[in-house]
Protein backbone atom coordinates (compact mmCIF):
# COMPACT_ATOMS: atom_id res chain seq x y z
CA MET A 1 -73.78 169.42 250.87
CA SER A 2 -75.78 172.04 252.41
CA PRO A 3 -74.17 175.18 253.65
CA VAL A 4 -73.01 174.55 257.39
CA ASP A 5 -73.86 176.78 260.25
CA GLU A 6 -70.48 178.41 260.58
CA ASN A 7 -71.21 179.20 264.21
CA VAL A 8 -71.84 175.81 265.19
CA LYS A 9 -68.85 173.39 266.56
CA ILE A 10 -67.79 170.30 264.70
CA LYS A 11 -66.54 167.25 266.46
CA LEU A 12 -64.24 164.69 264.72
CA LEU A 13 -63.82 161.04 265.01
CA PRO A 14 -60.11 160.25 266.48
CA PHE A 15 -57.71 160.99 263.70
CA PHE A 16 -53.80 161.82 263.70
CA THR A 17 -51.55 163.45 261.18
CA GLU A 18 -48.37 162.67 259.51
CA GLN A 19 -46.31 164.69 257.23
CA GLU A 20 -44.80 163.26 254.04
CA HIS A 21 -42.68 165.98 252.36
CA ASN A 22 -44.84 168.82 251.73
CA ILE A 23 -48.24 166.16 251.56
CA PHE A 24 -49.92 166.31 255.09
CA LEU A 25 -52.08 163.30 255.98
CA ILE A 26 -55.10 163.06 258.15
CA ILE A 27 -55.38 159.39 259.33
CA LYS A 28 -58.67 158.00 260.73
CA LYS A 29 -57.41 155.81 263.84
CA GLU A 30 -60.75 153.67 263.44
CA ASP A 31 -59.79 152.14 259.99
CA CYS A 32 -56.67 153.86 259.07
CA THR A 33 -58.64 155.80 256.07
CA VAL A 34 -55.93 158.34 254.64
CA LEU A 35 -56.41 161.61 253.37
CA LYS A 36 -53.79 163.67 251.79
CA THR A 37 -54.30 167.50 252.10
CA SER A 38 -52.14 170.65 252.51
CA GLU A 39 -50.77 172.26 256.02
CA VAL A 40 -53.88 174.43 255.93
CA GLY A 41 -56.11 171.75 255.55
CA VAL A 42 -54.14 169.98 259.12
CA LYS A 43 -54.32 173.25 260.73
CA THR A 44 -58.08 173.73 259.82
CA VAL A 45 -58.71 169.97 261.14
CA LYS A 46 -56.60 170.29 264.28
CA MET A 47 -58.67 173.97 265.20
CA LEU A 48 -62.02 172.14 264.27
CA ASN A 49 -61.41 169.20 266.90
CA LYS A 50 -60.06 171.77 269.52
CA GLY A 51 -63.60 173.36 268.99
CA LYS A 52 -63.25 176.12 267.10
CA THR A 53 -65.89 177.05 264.84
CA ILE A 54 -65.87 177.90 261.04
CA LYS A 55 -66.32 181.51 261.40
CA GLU A 56 -63.44 181.25 264.30
CA ILE A 57 -61.18 179.74 261.92
CA LYS A 58 -61.81 181.84 258.71
CA GLU A 59 -60.64 184.92 261.28
CA MET A 60 -57.62 182.91 262.27
CA LEU A 61 -56.54 181.59 258.99
CA SER A 62 -57.33 185.18 257.12
CA GLN A 63 -54.93 186.64 259.76
CA GLU A 64 -52.29 184.25 259.51
CA TYR A 65 -52.35 184.07 255.41
CA ASP A 66 -53.39 187.60 255.08
CA VAL A 67 -56.44 187.17 252.81
CA GLU A 68 -60.08 187.89 252.64
CA LYS A 69 -62.26 186.32 254.89
CA SER A 70 -64.65 186.25 252.53
CA THR A 71 -62.47 184.44 250.09
CA ILE A 72 -61.64 181.23 252.12
CA ASN A 73 -64.03 177.92 251.53
CA MET A 74 -63.83 175.14 253.55
CA ASN A 75 -66.74 173.21 252.04
CA PRO A 76 -64.77 171.08 249.94
CA LEU A 77 -62.60 169.87 253.13
CA LEU A 78 -65.82 169.23 254.90
CA GLU A 79 -67.38 167.53 252.24
CA THR A 80 -64.46 165.04 251.91
CA LEU A 81 -64.23 164.53 255.56
CA ILE A 82 -67.95 163.70 255.69
CA GLU A 83 -67.69 161.61 252.85
CA ASN A 84 -64.78 159.30 254.70
CA ARG A 85 -66.93 159.24 257.95
CA LEU A 86 -64.62 161.39 260.06
CA ILE A 87 -66.65 164.26 261.38
CA SER A 88 -69.01 162.69 264.21
CA THR A 89 -71.13 165.63 264.90
CA ILE A 90 -72.24 169.46 263.44
CA GLY A 91 -73.90 171.05 266.15
CA ASP A 92 -76.85 169.04 267.50
CA LYS A 93 -76.68 166.67 264.92
CA THR A 94 -74.79 163.56 264.86
CA LEU A 95 -73.47 162.11 261.60
CA TYR A 96 -71.52 159.03 262.64
CA THR A 97 -70.18 157.25 265.83
CA SER A 98 -66.98 155.42 266.21
CA GLU A 99 -67.15 151.73 266.35
CA LYS A 100 -66.29 149.81 268.90
CA LYS A 101 -63.50 147.56 267.60
CA PRO A 102 -62.04 144.28 269.24
CA LEU A 103 -59.09 144.73 271.44
CA TYR A 104 -57.25 142.85 268.94
CA VAL A 105 -58.04 144.88 266.17
CA ASN A 106 -56.81 148.08 267.90
CA LEU A 107 -53.33 146.54 268.88
CA LYS A 108 -52.97 145.19 265.20
CA PHE A 109 -53.83 148.83 264.04
CA PHE A 110 -50.88 149.95 266.81
CA VAL A 111 -48.43 147.44 265.84
CA THR A 112 -48.57 147.86 261.90
CA PHE A 113 -49.58 151.13 261.50
CA VAL A 114 -48.91 153.81 264.12
CA LEU A 115 -45.80 151.91 265.59
CA GLN A 116 -44.22 151.72 262.17
CA LEU A 117 -44.48 155.64 261.40
CA LYS A 118 -43.06 156.32 265.07
CA LEU A 119 -40.34 153.84 264.59
CA SER A 120 -39.11 155.33 261.06
CA HIS A 121 -39.63 158.75 262.60
CA PHE A 122 -37.18 158.05 265.16
CA MET A 123 -34.81 156.16 263.48
CA TYR A 124 -34.61 158.66 260.55
CA HIS A 125 -33.83 161.72 263.34
CA TYR A 126 -32.09 159.92 266.21
CA VAL A 127 -30.10 156.79 265.07
CA PRO A 128 -27.07 157.17 263.96
CA ILE A 129 -26.82 157.36 260.31
CA HIS A 130 -24.81 154.21 259.24
CA LEU A 131 -27.69 152.03 261.42
CA THR A 132 -30.30 154.11 259.66
CA TYR A 133 -29.19 153.72 256.10
CA LEU A 134 -28.31 149.73 256.29
CA PHE A 135 -31.58 149.30 258.11
CA PHE A 136 -33.94 151.33 255.68
CA LYS A 137 -31.85 150.34 252.50
CA LYS A 138 -32.20 146.42 253.16
CA ILE A 139 -36.28 147.56 253.76
CA PHE A 140 -36.80 150.10 250.74
CA PHE A 141 -34.78 147.94 248.05
CA LYS A 142 -37.77 144.91 248.39
CA LYS A 143 -40.54 147.83 248.13
CA ILE A 144 -39.61 149.26 244.93
CA LYS A 145 -40.62 147.58 241.84
CA ILE A 146 -39.26 148.23 238.39
CA HIS A 147 -41.68 147.53 235.82
CA ASP A 148 -40.61 144.58 233.30
CA GLY A 149 -40.75 147.27 230.38
CA LYS A 150 -38.33 149.31 231.76
CA ARG A 151 -35.93 146.33 232.15
CA GLU A 152 -36.56 145.45 228.64
CA GLU A 153 -35.70 149.00 227.23
CA ILE A 154 -32.63 148.88 229.48
CA GLU A 155 -31.45 145.59 227.65
CA LYS A 156 -32.47 146.80 224.08
CA SER A 157 -30.62 150.22 224.37
CA LEU A 158 -27.58 148.27 225.49
CA ARG A 159 -27.79 145.63 223.23
CA ALA A 160 -28.26 148.48 220.28
CA VAL A 161 -24.94 150.43 221.33
CA ASN A 162 -21.40 149.29 220.06
CA PHE A 163 -19.95 148.01 223.20
CA ALA A 164 -16.96 145.58 223.69
CA GLY A 165 -17.53 141.99 223.06
CA SER A 166 -16.74 141.15 226.53
CA LEU A 167 -19.34 143.53 228.06
CA MET A 168 -21.93 142.29 225.90
CA ASN A 169 -21.48 138.50 227.53
CA ASN A 170 -22.42 139.70 230.68
CA ILE A 171 -25.35 142.00 229.50
CA GLN A 172 -27.94 140.31 231.70
CA ASP A 173 -25.52 141.45 234.86
CA ILE A 174 -25.55 145.11 233.25
CA VAL A 175 -28.93 145.63 233.19
CA GLU A 176 -29.49 144.37 236.93
CA ALA A 177 -26.79 146.45 238.06
CA ASN A 178 -28.55 149.51 236.22
CA ILE A 179 -31.69 148.58 238.15
CA ARG A 180 -30.26 149.00 241.36
CA LEU A 181 -28.64 151.94 240.55
CA LEU A 182 -32.09 153.37 239.83
CA ASN A 183 -33.31 151.96 243.20
CA GLN A 184 -30.41 153.70 244.43
CA ILE A 185 -31.50 156.99 243.15
CA GLU A 186 -34.97 156.46 244.78
CA PHE A 187 -33.83 155.29 248.09
CA ASP A 188 -30.97 158.61 248.30
CA ARG A 189 -33.72 160.96 247.22
CA THR A 190 -36.18 159.72 250.05
CA LEU A 191 -33.44 159.77 252.75
CA PHE A 192 -32.84 163.55 251.35
CA PHE A 193 -36.61 164.28 252.29
CA LYS A 194 -36.72 162.34 255.24
CA LEU A 195 -33.81 162.30 257.54
CA GLY A 196 -33.50 164.57 260.36
CA TYR A 197 -30.90 167.35 259.72
CA ARG A 198 -28.31 165.69 262.27
CA ASN A 199 -28.31 162.70 259.95
CA LEU A 200 -28.66 164.50 256.74
CA SER A 201 -25.86 166.43 257.36
CA THR A 202 -23.38 163.57 258.34
CA TRP A 203 -25.01 161.48 255.30
CA LEU A 204 -24.09 164.43 253.01
CA ASP A 205 -20.53 164.79 254.29
CA LYS A 206 -19.67 160.94 254.81
CA PHE A 207 -21.88 159.15 252.29
CA PHE A 208 -20.39 161.49 249.58
CA ILE A 209 -16.91 161.50 248.53
CA VAL A 210 -15.77 164.62 246.19
CA GLU A 211 -12.55 164.14 244.32
CA ASN A 212 -10.50 166.88 242.81
CA MET A 213 -12.46 169.92 244.44
CA GLU A 214 -9.27 171.96 243.86
CA ILE A 215 -10.55 172.28 240.19
CA LEU A 216 -13.58 173.98 241.12
CA LEU A 217 -12.30 175.95 244.22
CA LYS A 218 -9.57 177.57 241.83
CA ASN A 219 -12.55 179.00 239.39
CA VAL A 220 -14.19 180.19 242.38
CA GLU A 221 -11.17 182.11 244.03
CA GLN A 222 -10.77 183.57 240.61
CA ASN A 223 -14.33 185.11 240.64
CA LYS A 224 -14.81 183.16 237.04
CA GLY A 225 -18.34 181.98 236.45
CA THR A 226 -18.22 178.27 236.15
CA ILE A 227 -20.27 176.03 233.98
CA LEU A 228 -20.25 172.50 235.85
CA CYS A 229 -21.32 169.78 233.17
CA GLY A 230 -23.14 166.94 234.83
CA PHE A 231 -24.12 163.70 233.46
CA HIS A 232 -27.03 161.13 234.60
CA THR A 233 -24.34 158.95 236.11
CA GLY A 234 -24.45 157.28 239.59
CA ASN A 235 -26.51 159.32 242.21
CA TYR A 236 -26.68 162.17 240.00
CA TYR A 237 -29.67 163.64 242.08
CA SER A 238 -28.10 164.19 245.10
CA CYS A 239 -24.86 165.91 243.61
CA PRO A 240 -26.31 169.65 243.59
CA PHE A 241 -27.15 169.21 247.50
CA VAL A 242 -23.48 167.87 248.03
CA LEU A 243 -21.86 170.86 246.32
CA ALA A 244 -24.22 172.98 248.55
CA LYS A 245 -23.01 171.26 251.43
CA ASN A 246 -19.44 172.18 250.92
CA HIS A 247 -20.32 175.95 250.50
CA PHE A 248 -20.86 176.30 246.73
CA GLU A 249 -23.71 178.73 245.77
CA VAL A 250 -25.32 176.49 242.94
CA HIS A 251 -27.90 177.59 240.05
CA THR A 252 -29.62 174.61 238.56
CA PRO A 253 -32.46 174.10 236.04
CA VAL A 254 -34.65 171.47 236.79
CA VAL A 255 -37.31 169.30 234.72
CA LEU A 256 -40.00 167.96 238.05
CA GLU A 257 -43.36 166.43 238.07
CA GLU A 258 -46.37 169.15 238.97
CA GLY A 259 -45.45 170.35 242.12
CA GLY A 260 -41.86 168.88 242.51
CA ILE A 261 -39.75 171.98 242.47
CA GLU A 262 -41.76 173.63 245.26
CA ILE A 263 -41.39 170.47 247.37
CA VAL A 264 -37.78 170.56 246.79
CA VAL A 265 -37.03 174.50 247.10
CA GLU A 266 -38.89 174.05 250.49
CA ARG A 267 -36.71 171.42 251.82
CA VAL A 268 -33.70 173.44 250.71
CA LYS A 269 -35.12 176.47 252.49
CA LYS A 270 -35.95 174.91 255.86
CA ILE A 271 -32.17 173.17 255.95
CA ASP A 272 -30.87 176.38 255.10
CA GLN A 273 -32.69 178.07 257.58
CA GLU A 274 -32.74 175.95 260.63
CA ALA A 275 -29.95 173.40 260.26
CA PHE A 276 -27.02 174.05 258.22
CA PRO A 277 -25.87 176.28 255.09
CA LEU A 278 -27.52 175.06 252.13
CA LYS A 279 -27.48 178.00 249.14
CA MET A 280 -29.20 176.21 246.16
CA HIS A 281 -31.29 178.13 243.10
CA PHE A 282 -33.59 176.01 241.15
CA TYR A 283 -35.18 177.36 237.89
CA LYS A 284 -38.27 175.75 236.31
CA ARG A 285 -36.79 174.50 232.63
CA GLY A 286 -38.44 177.32 230.11
CA LYS A 287 -37.52 179.56 227.23
CA TYR A 288 -36.31 182.13 229.63
CA VAL A 289 -34.38 180.07 232.03
CA GLY A 290 -31.30 180.87 229.96
CA ILE A 291 -31.10 184.48 230.20
CA ARG A 292 -31.26 183.72 234.04
CA LEU A 293 -28.19 181.75 233.55
CA PHE A 294 -26.52 183.81 231.17
CA ARG A 295 -26.58 186.68 234.31
CA VAL A 296 -25.63 184.20 237.03
CA LEU A 297 -22.09 183.40 234.81
CA LYS A 298 -21.45 186.88 234.18
CA LYS A 299 -21.59 187.64 238.04
CA GLY A 300 -19.09 184.89 238.55
CA GLY A 301 -21.68 181.97 239.55
CA ILE A 302 -21.78 178.49 239.35
CA ILE A 303 -24.32 176.81 237.13
CA LEU A 304 -25.10 172.88 237.19
CA LEU A 305 -26.49 171.47 233.86
CA TYR A 306 -26.94 167.95 232.35
CA CYS A 307 -25.70 167.52 229.00
CA ASP A 308 -27.28 164.12 228.67
CA THR A 309 -30.82 164.42 228.64
CA HIS A 310 -33.21 164.63 225.81
CA ILE A 311 -35.61 166.72 227.88
CA ALA A 312 -36.52 170.33 226.42
CA LEU A 313 -39.17 172.92 226.71
CA THR A 314 -37.24 174.99 223.77
CA ASN A 315 -35.66 173.88 220.86
CA ASP A 316 -32.00 173.63 222.34
CA LEU A 317 -31.34 169.72 221.18
CA MET A 318 -28.41 169.04 218.76
CA GLU A 319 -27.45 166.06 217.24
CA VAL A 320 -24.03 164.43 218.56
CA GLU A 321 -22.81 160.66 218.08
CA PHE A 322 -23.25 158.11 220.92
CA PHE A 323 -21.72 154.68 220.65
CA GLY A 324 -22.34 154.37 217.07
CA ARG A 325 -26.05 156.15 217.06
CA MET A 326 -27.00 159.65 216.50
CA ILE A 327 -29.04 161.19 219.37
CA LYS A 328 -30.33 164.10 220.38
CA MET A 329 -29.14 166.15 223.67
CA ASN A 330 -29.45 169.19 225.20
CA LYS A 331 -27.08 172.06 223.96
CA GLY A 332 -27.25 174.53 227.05
CA VAL A 333 -23.53 173.84 228.09
CA ALA A 334 -21.91 174.83 224.72
CA PHE A 335 -24.48 177.51 224.04
CA LEU A 336 -23.70 179.36 227.39
CA HIS A 337 -20.15 178.55 227.17
CA LYS A 338 -19.53 180.19 223.64
CA LYS A 339 -21.79 183.28 224.87
CA THR A 340 -19.77 184.00 227.99
CA ASN A 341 -16.45 182.00 227.54
CA SER A 342 -16.71 180.58 231.36
CA PRO A 343 -15.00 177.69 231.54
CA ILE A 344 -16.62 174.35 231.63
CA ILE A 345 -15.84 171.69 234.62
CA PRO A 346 -17.53 168.08 233.70
CA VAL A 347 -18.68 166.38 236.79
CA LEU A 348 -18.86 162.49 237.08
CA THR A 349 -20.89 160.83 239.55
CA TYR A 350 -20.38 157.21 240.27
CA ASN A 351 -21.65 154.65 242.93
CA ARG A 352 -19.13 152.51 244.70
CA GLY A 353 -20.95 150.25 247.28
CA ASN A 354 -23.14 152.48 249.91
CA TYR A 355 -20.97 155.60 248.62
CA CYS A 356 -20.96 157.91 245.81
CA HIS A 357 -18.23 159.70 244.23
CA ILE A 358 -18.37 163.06 242.81
CA LYS A 359 -15.05 164.03 240.55
CA PHE A 360 -14.25 167.40 238.76
CA LEU A 361 -12.50 166.68 235.55
CA ASP A 362 -10.23 169.08 234.19
CA GLU A 363 -11.44 172.42 233.08
CA ILE A 364 -12.29 172.95 229.15
CA SER A 365 -11.92 176.70 228.34
CA ASP A 366 -11.55 178.95 225.12
CA MET A 367 -13.40 176.75 222.87
CA ARG A 368 -15.57 179.65 221.47
CA ASN A 369 -14.10 179.11 218.14
CA PHE A 370 -15.65 175.84 217.77
CA SER A 371 -18.85 174.74 216.96
CA GLU A 372 -21.98 174.05 219.57
CA GLN A 373 -22.00 170.92 218.00
CA GLU A 374 -18.31 169.94 218.71
CA ILE A 375 -18.28 171.46 222.01
CA LEU A 376 -21.20 168.82 223.20
CA GLN A 377 -19.46 166.14 220.95
CA LYS A 378 -16.43 166.30 223.39
CA LEU A 379 -18.37 166.32 226.48
CA ILE A 380 -20.48 163.52 225.44
CA SER A 381 -17.29 161.62 224.95
CA ILE A 382 -16.30 162.17 228.27
CA LEU A 383 -19.34 160.21 229.05
CA GLN A 384 -18.96 157.58 226.55
CA ASN A 385 -15.56 156.77 227.77
CA PHE A 386 -16.70 156.46 231.29
CA LEU A 387 -19.58 154.05 230.38
CA VAL A 388 -17.38 151.63 228.02
CA ASN A 389 -16.09 150.14 231.58
CA SER A 390 -18.89 151.23 233.63
CA PRO A 391 -22.10 151.01 231.61
CA GLU A 392 -24.23 150.02 234.86
CA GLN A 393 -23.58 153.73 236.00
CA TRP A 394 -25.65 155.71 233.42
CA ALA A 395 -29.39 156.07 234.77
CA LYS A 396 -30.47 157.07 231.22
CA TRP A 397 -30.46 153.94 229.07
CA TYR A 398 -34.20 153.58 229.24
CA ASP A 399 -34.48 156.99 227.48
CA LEU A 400 -32.15 155.86 224.42
CA ARG A 401 -34.99 155.01 222.21
CA LYS A 402 -36.69 158.58 223.11
CA MET A 403 -32.83 160.29 222.58
CA SER A 404 -32.10 158.22 219.06
CA ILE A 405 -32.84 160.22 215.61
CA ASP A 406 -33.76 156.89 214.61
CA SER A 407 -35.94 155.59 217.19
CA ALA A 408 -35.69 152.01 216.36
CA LEU A 409 -33.54 149.85 218.28
């Protein structure tokens, strides 16, 4: 693309914008072309649409973001807009004109796209959460497609462990229940990002039932550093948000897709600043995260670790027995207990209908004389005993092959 005169005005074809988490969408009204961009990209397009020149926009962005004007490059955005026929004119030069569509085409677009977006926004923000929850769950679960390979992997994993014979007779039912759990986790993740603040507050208060909270409160009152040992059961994803909503300041390392942690951090930050207290601290997993968590514990803070995971960016894996198989699991909980003598409080999450229970178990303390393997085996035994009666509640069955020392199932 040849350089554009920074002093000319650019006219755009009709469009509107929507936001999905931290991803911003520019949607061309004529044919529903959707472009993904950043918050800055949307601001730039809106300023172009108001008749601002490129020179004026660069000056405004330079002041707002405290960057040198010469470093702002708008060419990639302009190229994308031109390629997708969103720019009508540049100065006196006409690039594209809007095609006149029959009335029924415009009406169909309005009903199927614009109206749906506006209705969804209205329900997420203004319709009581109980109605919103039921409405979107009915729609959402139809849209989730679980790859057949994952379903097969779950079944293989269940058949590879030593369960009671009565459970094995119902293995297909267990597989389908486990699939529903995975769907529920995705659904709840969507709710966390999409709900308006009032509905979000009610959802975290009413749809999550915290049991035995006094166990954690006792440690907090004694100013002890506390290691919460979570498991990937039930709606484990929402556990830290629920704890923070109940006024516990939680520190937890996470492994998310590229950019994922920034999206979560930004959402939590906005909730805390604009709606209700939600004190949470996320850390990207890496070789220095253990030092940061150690410091939190020494200051009497609360950390949340999930021990039943094979994902590690360091060599913090250890072999334990799990239903007759030797598997690799993260040893962070055991390591930090031995280093700090902070009590370990196991936390089980499990779903019952539309509700998720978060249950604190009796604390485990003074195990520094035990090996890390013995501590971890004790924790995994808690998970195993729970799954004997509720195998469908574990969200990691499809990862068992990766966890196993012998990958053959």
